[in-house]
PDB file of N, CA and C in Angstrom:
ATOM      1  N   MET A   1      74.324 -63.723 -82.037  1.00  0.00           N
ATOM      2  CA  MET A   1      75.166 -63.437 -81.031  1.00  0.00           C
ATOM      3  C   MET A   1      75.954 -64.193 -80.189  1.00  0.00           C
ATOM      4  N   ALA A   2      75.270 -65.386 -80.217  1.00  0.00           N
ATOM      5  CA  ALA A   2      75.957 -66.317 -79.582  1.00  0.00           C
ATOM      6  C   ALA A   2      77.432 -66.992 -80.368  1.00  0.00           C
ATOM      7  N   ASP A   3      77.729 -66.872 -81.549  1.00  0.00           N
ATOM      8  CA  ASP A   3      78.578 -67.165 -82.329  1.00  0.00           C
ATOM      9  C   ASP A   3      79.719 -65.786 -82.065  1.00  0.00           C
ATOM     10  N   GLU A   4      79.166 -64.866 -81.903  1.00  0.00           N
ATOM     11  CA  GLU A   4      80.233 -63.950 -81.633  1.00  0.00           C
ATOM     12  C   GLU A   4      80.896 -64.139 -80.266  1.00  0.00           C
ATOM     13  N   ARG A   5      80.005 -64.886 -79.014  1.00  0.00           N
ATOM     14  CA  ARG A   5      80.665 -64.888 -78.070  1.00  0.00           C
ATOM     15  C   ARG A   5      81.458 -66.171 -78.006  1.00  0.00           C
ATOM     16  N   ILE A   6      81.456 -67.352 -78.707  1.00  0.00           N
ATOM     17  CA  ILE A   6      82.246 -68.213 -78.830  1.00  0.00           C
ATOM     18  C   ILE A   6      83.743 -67.753 -79.408  1.00  0.00           C
ATOM     19  N   VAL A   7      83.804 -66.682 -80.543  1.00  0.00           N
ATOM     20  CA  VAL A   7      84.509 -66.520 -81.035  1.00  0.00           C
ATOM     21  C   VAL A   7      85.593 -65.558 -79.774  1.00  0.00           C
ATOM     22  N   ALA A   8      84.511 -64.576 -79.278  1.00  0.00           N
ATOM     23  CA  ALA A   8      85.471 -63.862 -78.122  1.00  0.00           C
ATOM     24  C   ALA A   8      86.282 -64.706 -77.137  1.00  0.00           C
ATOM     25  N   SER A   9      85.471 -65.490 -77.019  1.00  0.00           N
ATOM     26  CA  SER A   9      86.134 -66.818 -75.979  1.00  0.00           C
ATOM     27  C   SER A   9      87.400 -67.126 -76.073  1.00  0.00           C
ATOM     28  N   PHE A  10      87.307 -67.827 -77.526  1.00  0.00           N
ATOM     29  CA  PHE A  10      88.884 -68.215 -78.189  1.00  0.00           C
ATOM     30  C   PHE A  10      89.814 -67.126 -78.306  1.00  0.00           C
ATOM     31  N   LEU A  11      89.170 -65.665 -78.716  1.00  0.00           N
ATOM     32  CA  LEU A  11      90.260 -64.852 -78.767  1.00  0.00           C
ATOM     33  C   LEU A  11      90.830 -64.637 -77.359  1.00  0.00           C
ATOM     34  N   GLU A  12      89.899 -64.582 -76.265  1.00  0.00           N
ATOM     35  CA  GLU A  12      90.538 -64.189 -75.029  1.00  0.00           C
ATOM     36  C   GLU A  12      91.778 -65.482 -74.731  1.00  0.00           C
ATOM     37  N   GLN A  13      91.778 -66.540 -75.232  1.00  0.00           N
ATOM     38  CA  GLN A  13      92.590 -67.571 -75.025  1.00  0.00           C
ATOM     39  C   GLN A  13      94.131 -67.421 -75.479  1.00  0.00           C
ATOM     40  N   GLY A  14      94.140 -66.646 -76.800  1.00  0.00           N
ATOM     41  CA  GLY A  14      95.324 -66.358 -77.382  1.00  0.00           C
ATOM     42  C   GLY A  14      95.376 -67.017 -78.555  1.00  0.00           C
ATOM     43  N   ARG A  15      96.133 -67.126 -79.392  1.00  0.00           N
ATOM     44  CA  ARG A  15      96.538 -67.628 -80.243  1.00  0.00           C
ATOM     45  C   ARG A  15      97.173 -68.787 -80.343  1.00  0.00           C
ATOM     46  N   ARG A  16      97.900 -68.948 -80.070  1.00  0.00           N
ATOM     47  CA  ARG A  16      98.257 -70.292 -79.434  1.00  0.00           C
ATOM     48  C   ARG A  16      97.574 -71.181 -79.028  1.00  0.00           C
ATOM     49  N   LYS A  17      96.943 -70.872 -77.841  1.00  0.00           N
ATOM     50  CA  LYS A  17      95.972 -71.904 -77.485  1.00  0.00           C
ATOM     51  C   LYS A  17      94.421 -72.514 -78.531  1.00  0.00           C
ATOM     52  N   CYS A  18      94.898 -71.296 -79.302  1.00  0.00           N
ATOM     53  CA  CYS A  18      93.822 -71.661 -80.748  1.00  0.00           C
ATOM     54  C   CYS A  18      94.160 -72.664 -81.506  1.00  0.00           C
ATOM     55  N   MET A  19      95.687 -72.443 -81.784  1.00  0.00           N
ATOM     56  CA  MET A  19      96.358 -73.449 -82.580  1.00  0.00           C
ATOM     57  C   MET A  19      96.364 -74.764 -82.212  1.00  0.00           C
ATOM     58  N   ASP A  20      96.421 -75.120 -80.595  1.00  0.00           N
ATOM     59  CA  ASP A  20      96.226 -75.976 -79.859  1.00  0.00           C
ATOM     60  C   ASP A  20      94.961 -77.130 -79.844  1.00  0.00           C
ATOM     61  N   TYR A  21      94.062 -75.904 -79.749  1.00  0.00           N
ATOM     62  CA  TYR A  21      93.006 -76.829 -80.153  1.00  0.00           C
ATOM     63  C   TYR A  21      92.785 -77.464 -81.349  1.00  0.00           C
ATOM     64  N   LEU A  22      93.202 -76.792 -82.068  1.00  0.00           N
ATOM     65  CA  LEU A  22      92.813 -77.224 -84.086  1.00  0.00           C
ATOM     66  C   LEU A  22      93.655 -78.092 -83.916  1.00  0.00           C
ATOM     67  N   ILE A  23      94.637 -78.304 -83.479  1.00  0.00           N
ATOM     68  CA  ILE A  23      95.872 -79.741 -83.289  1.00  0.00           C
ATOM     69  C   ILE A  23      95.415 -80.658 -82.797  1.00  0.00           C
ATOM     70  N   GLU A  24      94.674 -80.622 -81.658  1.00  0.00           N
ATOM     71  CA  GLU A  24      94.080 -81.349 -80.750  1.00  0.00           C
ATOM     72  C   GLU A  24      92.871 -82.115 -81.036  1.00  0.00           C
ATOM     73  N   THR A  25      91.767 -81.517 -81.943  1.00  0.00           N
ATOM     74  CA  THR A  25      90.896 -81.709 -82.347  1.00  0.00           C
ATOM     75  C   THR A  25      90.859 -82.422 -83.645  1.00  0.00           C
ATOM     76  N   HIS A  26      92.222 -82.320 -84.145  1.00  0.00           N
ATOM     77  CA  HIS A  26      92.683 -82.995 -85.378  1.00  0.00           C
ATOM     78  C   HIS A  26      91.905 -82.725 -86.722  1.00  0.00           C
ATOM     79  N   GLN A  27      92.443 -81.278 -86.760  1.00  0.00           N
ATOM     80  CA  GLN A  27      91.839 -80.335 -87.953  1.00  0.00           C
ATOM     81  C   GLN A  27      93.215 -80.742 -89.066  1.00  0.00           C
ATOM     82  N   GLY A  28      94.194 -81.327 -88.559  1.00  0.00           N
ATOM     83  CA  GLY A  28      95.239 -81.287 -89.607  1.00  0.00           C
ATOM     84  C   GLY A  28      96.364 -81.516 -88.812  1.00  0.00           C
ATOM     85  N   SER A  29      97.643 -81.901 -89.641  1.00  0.00           N
ATOM     86  CA  SER A  29      99.067 -82.048 -88.835  1.00  0.00           C
ATOM     87  C   SER A  29      99.304 -80.780 -87.964  1.00  0.00           C
ATOM     88  N   ALA A  30     100.045 -80.575 -86.984  1.00  0.00           N
ATOM     89  CA  ALA A  30     100.573 -79.572 -86.247  1.00  0.00           C
ATOM     90  C   ALA A  30     101.251 -78.437 -87.562  1.00  0.00           C
ATOM     91  N   GLN A  31     102.063 -79.036 -88.422  1.00  0.00           N
ATOM     92  CA  GLN A  31     102.784 -78.231 -89.552  1.00  0.00           C
ATOM     93  C   GLN A  31     101.628 -77.618 -90.240  1.00  0.00           C
ATOM     94  N   ALA A  32     100.895 -78.510 -90.519  1.00  0.00           N
ATOM     95  CA  ALA A  32      99.631 -77.572 -91.433  1.00  0.00           C
ATOM     96  C   ALA A  32      99.325 -76.532 -91.038  1.00  0.00           C
ATOM     97  N   ILE A  33      98.714 -77.119 -89.596  1.00  0.00           N
ATOM     98  CA  ILE A  33      97.539 -75.753 -88.932  1.00  0.00           C
ATOM     99  C   ILE A  33      99.170 -74.889 -88.695  1.00  0.00           C
ATOM    100  N   ASN A  34      99.840 -75.071 -88.345  1.00  0.00           N
ATOM    101  CA  ASN A  34     101.126 -73.829 -87.995  1.00  0.00           C
ATOM    102  C   ASN A  34     101.042 -72.891 -89.437  1.00  0.00           C
ATOM    103  N   MET A  35     101.464 -73.590 -90.407  1.00  0.00           N
ATOM    104  CA  MET A  35     101.452 -72.912 -91.689  1.00  0.00           C
ATOM    105  C   MET A  35     100.360 -72.039 -92.677  1.00  0.00           C
ATOM    106  N   GLU A  36      98.919 -72.724 -92.056  1.00  0.00           N
ATOM    107  CA  GLU A  36      97.761 -72.113 -92.426  1.00  0.00           C
ATOM    108  C   GLU A  36      97.724 -71.170 -91.229  1.00  0.00           C
ATOM    109  N   CYS A  37      97.902 -71.264 -90.068  1.00  0.00           N
ATOM    110  CA  CYS A  37      97.206 -70.158 -89.232  1.00  0.00           C
ATOM    111  C   CYS A  37      98.408 -68.655 -89.424  1.00  0.00           C
ATOM    112  N   LEU A  38      99.651 -68.876 -90.232  1.00  0.00           N
ATOM    113  CA  LEU A  38     100.567 -68.157 -90.656  1.00  0.00           C
ATOM    114  C   LEU A  38      99.747 -66.760 -91.183  1.00  0.00           C
ATOM    115  N   ALA A  39      99.046 -66.792 -92.235  1.00  0.00           N
ATOM    116  CA  ALA A  39      98.313 -66.101 -93.042  1.00  0.00           C
ATOM    117  C   ALA A  39      96.921 -65.860 -92.687  1.00  0.00           C
ATOM    118  N   MET A  40      96.322 -65.907 -91.310  1.00  0.00           N
ATOM    119  CA  MET A  40      95.318 -65.619 -90.728  1.00  0.00           C
ATOM    120  C   MET A  40      95.561 -64.956 -90.062  1.00  0.00           C
ATOM    121  N   THR A  41      94.315 -64.208 -89.551  1.00  0.00           N
ATOM    122  CA  THR A  41      94.311 -63.411 -88.263  1.00  0.00           C
ATOM    123  C   THR A  41      93.961 -63.704 -87.054  1.00  0.00           C
ATOM    124  N   ASP A  42      94.061 -63.364 -85.880  1.00  0.00           N
ATOM    125  CA  ASP A  42      93.841 -63.833 -84.573  1.00  0.00           C
ATOM    126  C   ASP A  42      92.066 -63.902 -84.457  1.00  0.00           C
ATOM    127  N   THR A  43      91.278 -63.238 -85.269  1.00  0.00           N
ATOM    128  CA  THR A  43      90.216 -63.308 -85.329  1.00  0.00           C
ATOM    129  C   THR A  43      89.444 -64.611 -86.171  1.00  0.00           C
ATOM    130  N   GLU A  44      90.390 -64.859 -87.441  1.00  0.00           N
ATOM    131  CA  GLU A  44      89.951 -65.716 -88.162  1.00  0.00           C
ATOM    132  C   GLU A  44      90.459 -67.129 -87.561  1.00  0.00           C
ATOM    133  N   ILE A  45      91.478 -67.229 -87.084  1.00  0.00           N
ATOM    134  CA  ILE A  45      91.785 -68.044 -86.394  1.00  0.00           C
ATOM    135  C   ILE A  45      90.499 -68.400 -85.060  1.00  0.00           C
ATOM    136  N   ALA A  46      90.302 -67.806 -84.337  1.00  0.00           N
ATOM    137  CA  ALA A  46      88.783 -67.703 -83.487  1.00  0.00           C
ATOM    138  C   ALA A  46      87.775 -68.448 -84.003  1.00  0.00           C
ATOM    139  N   SER A  47      87.438 -67.699 -84.771  1.00  0.00           N
ATOM    140  CA  SER A  47      86.376 -68.203 -85.902  1.00  0.00           C
ATOM    141  C   SER A  47      86.581 -69.964 -86.741  1.00  0.00           C
ATOM    142  N   TRP A  48      87.506 -69.911 -86.746  1.00  0.00           N
ATOM    143  CA  TRP A  48      87.883 -71.563 -87.184  1.00  0.00           C
ATOM    144  C   TRP A  48      87.780 -72.422 -85.863  1.00  0.00           C
ATOM    145  N   CYS A  49      88.119 -71.857 -84.800  1.00  0.00           N
ATOM    146  CA  CYS A  49      88.185 -72.749 -83.621  1.00  0.00           C
ATOM    147  C   CYS A  49      86.744 -72.954 -83.418  1.00  0.00           C
ATOM    148  N   LYS A  50      85.752 -71.680 -83.819  1.00  0.00           N
ATOM    149  CA  LYS A  50      84.310 -71.964 -82.950  1.00  0.00           C
ATOM    150  C   LYS A  50      83.642 -72.964 -83.755  1.00  0.00           C
ATOM    151  N   ASP A  51      83.725 -72.886 -85.721  1.00  0.00           N
ATOM    152  CA  ASP A  51      83.356 -74.118 -86.193  1.00  0.00           C
ATOM    153  C   ASP A  51      83.565 -75.416 -85.726  1.00  0.00           C
ATOM    154  N   VAL A  52      84.752 -75.462 -85.550  1.00  0.00           N
ATOM    155  CA  VAL A  52      85.271 -76.670 -84.974  1.00  0.00           C
ATOM    156  C   VAL A  52      84.594 -77.142 -83.625  1.00  0.00           C
ATOM    157  N   ALA A  53      84.357 -76.136 -82.929  1.00  0.00           N
ATOM    158  CA  ALA A  53      83.436 -76.530 -81.958  1.00  0.00           C
ATOM    159  C   ALA A  53      81.974 -76.888 -81.854  1.00  0.00           C
ATOM    160  N   ILE A  54      81.114 -76.323 -82.722  1.00  0.00           N
ATOM    161  CA  ILE A  54      79.829 -76.360 -83.096  1.00  0.00           C
ATOM    162  C   ILE A  54      79.974 -77.641 -83.736  1.00  0.00           C
ATOM    163  N   GLU A  55      80.742 -78.044 -84.804  1.00  0.00           N
ATOM    164  CA  GLU A  55      80.833 -79.178 -85.383  1.00  0.00           C
ATOM    165  C   GLU A  55      80.810 -80.313 -84.357  1.00  0.00           C
ATOM    166  N   LEU A  56      81.930 -80.477 -83.652  1.00  0.00           N
ATOM    167  CA  LEU A  56      82.079 -81.547 -82.498  1.00  0.00           C
ATOM    168  C   LEU A  56      80.828 -81.543 -81.810  1.00  0.00           C
ATOM    169  N   LYS A  57      80.365 -80.188 -81.453  1.00  0.00           N
ATOM    170  CA  LYS A  57      78.845 -80.939 -80.659  1.00  0.00           C
ATOM    171  C   LYS A  57      77.573 -81.298 -81.236  1.00  0.00           C
ATOM    172  N   GLU A  58      77.498 -80.826 -82.593  1.00  0.00           N
ATOM    173  CA  GLU A  58      76.863 -81.506 -83.292  1.00  0.00           C
ATOM    174  C   GLU A  58      77.149 -83.322 -83.514  1.00  0.00           C
ATOM    175  N   GLN A  59      78.314 -83.505 -83.543  1.00  0.00           N
ATOM    176  CA  GLN A  59      78.653 -85.037 -83.691  1.00  0.00           C
ATOM    177  C   GLN A  59      77.931 -85.611 -82.589  1.00  0.00           C
ATOM    178  N   ILE A  60      78.622 -84.609 -81.299  1.00  0.00           N
ATOM    179  CA  ILE A  60      78.206 -85.526 -79.727  1.00  0.00           C
ATOM    180  C   ILE A  60      76.741 -85.658 -79.891  1.00  0.00           C
ATOM    181  N   ALA A  61      76.053 -85.024 -80.098  1.00  0.00           N
ATOM    182  CA  ALA A  61      74.578 -84.694 -79.845  1.00  0.00           C
ATOM    183  C   ALA A  61      73.860 -85.955 -80.707  1.00  0.00           C
ATOM    184  N   MET A  62      74.717 -86.037 -82.050  1.00  0.00           N
ATOM    185  CA  MET A  62      74.129 -87.229 -82.869  1.00  0.00           C
ATOM    186  C   MET A  62      74.260 -88.424 -82.512  1.00  0.00           C
ATOM    187  N   ALA A  63      75.336 -88.805 -81.489  1.00  0.00           N
ATOM    188  CA  ALA A  63      75.951 -90.108 -81.447  1.00  0.00           C
ATOM    189  C   ALA A  63      75.215 -90.473 -80.312  1.00  0.00           C
TER     190      ALA A  63
END
């Protein structure tokens, strides 16, 4: 349920904001992320953002 809310939150921000988030969190170069996202749905991109957010939260908790 919490995961669904995170995905919904990213979906509300829109595709471009999600892609910017992935670039800013260094998930790859801007060009690589743009190319990969071309073949993805908005929900898939938002889910990727959710996974990155959870991973970053865990890294911060362990620091």
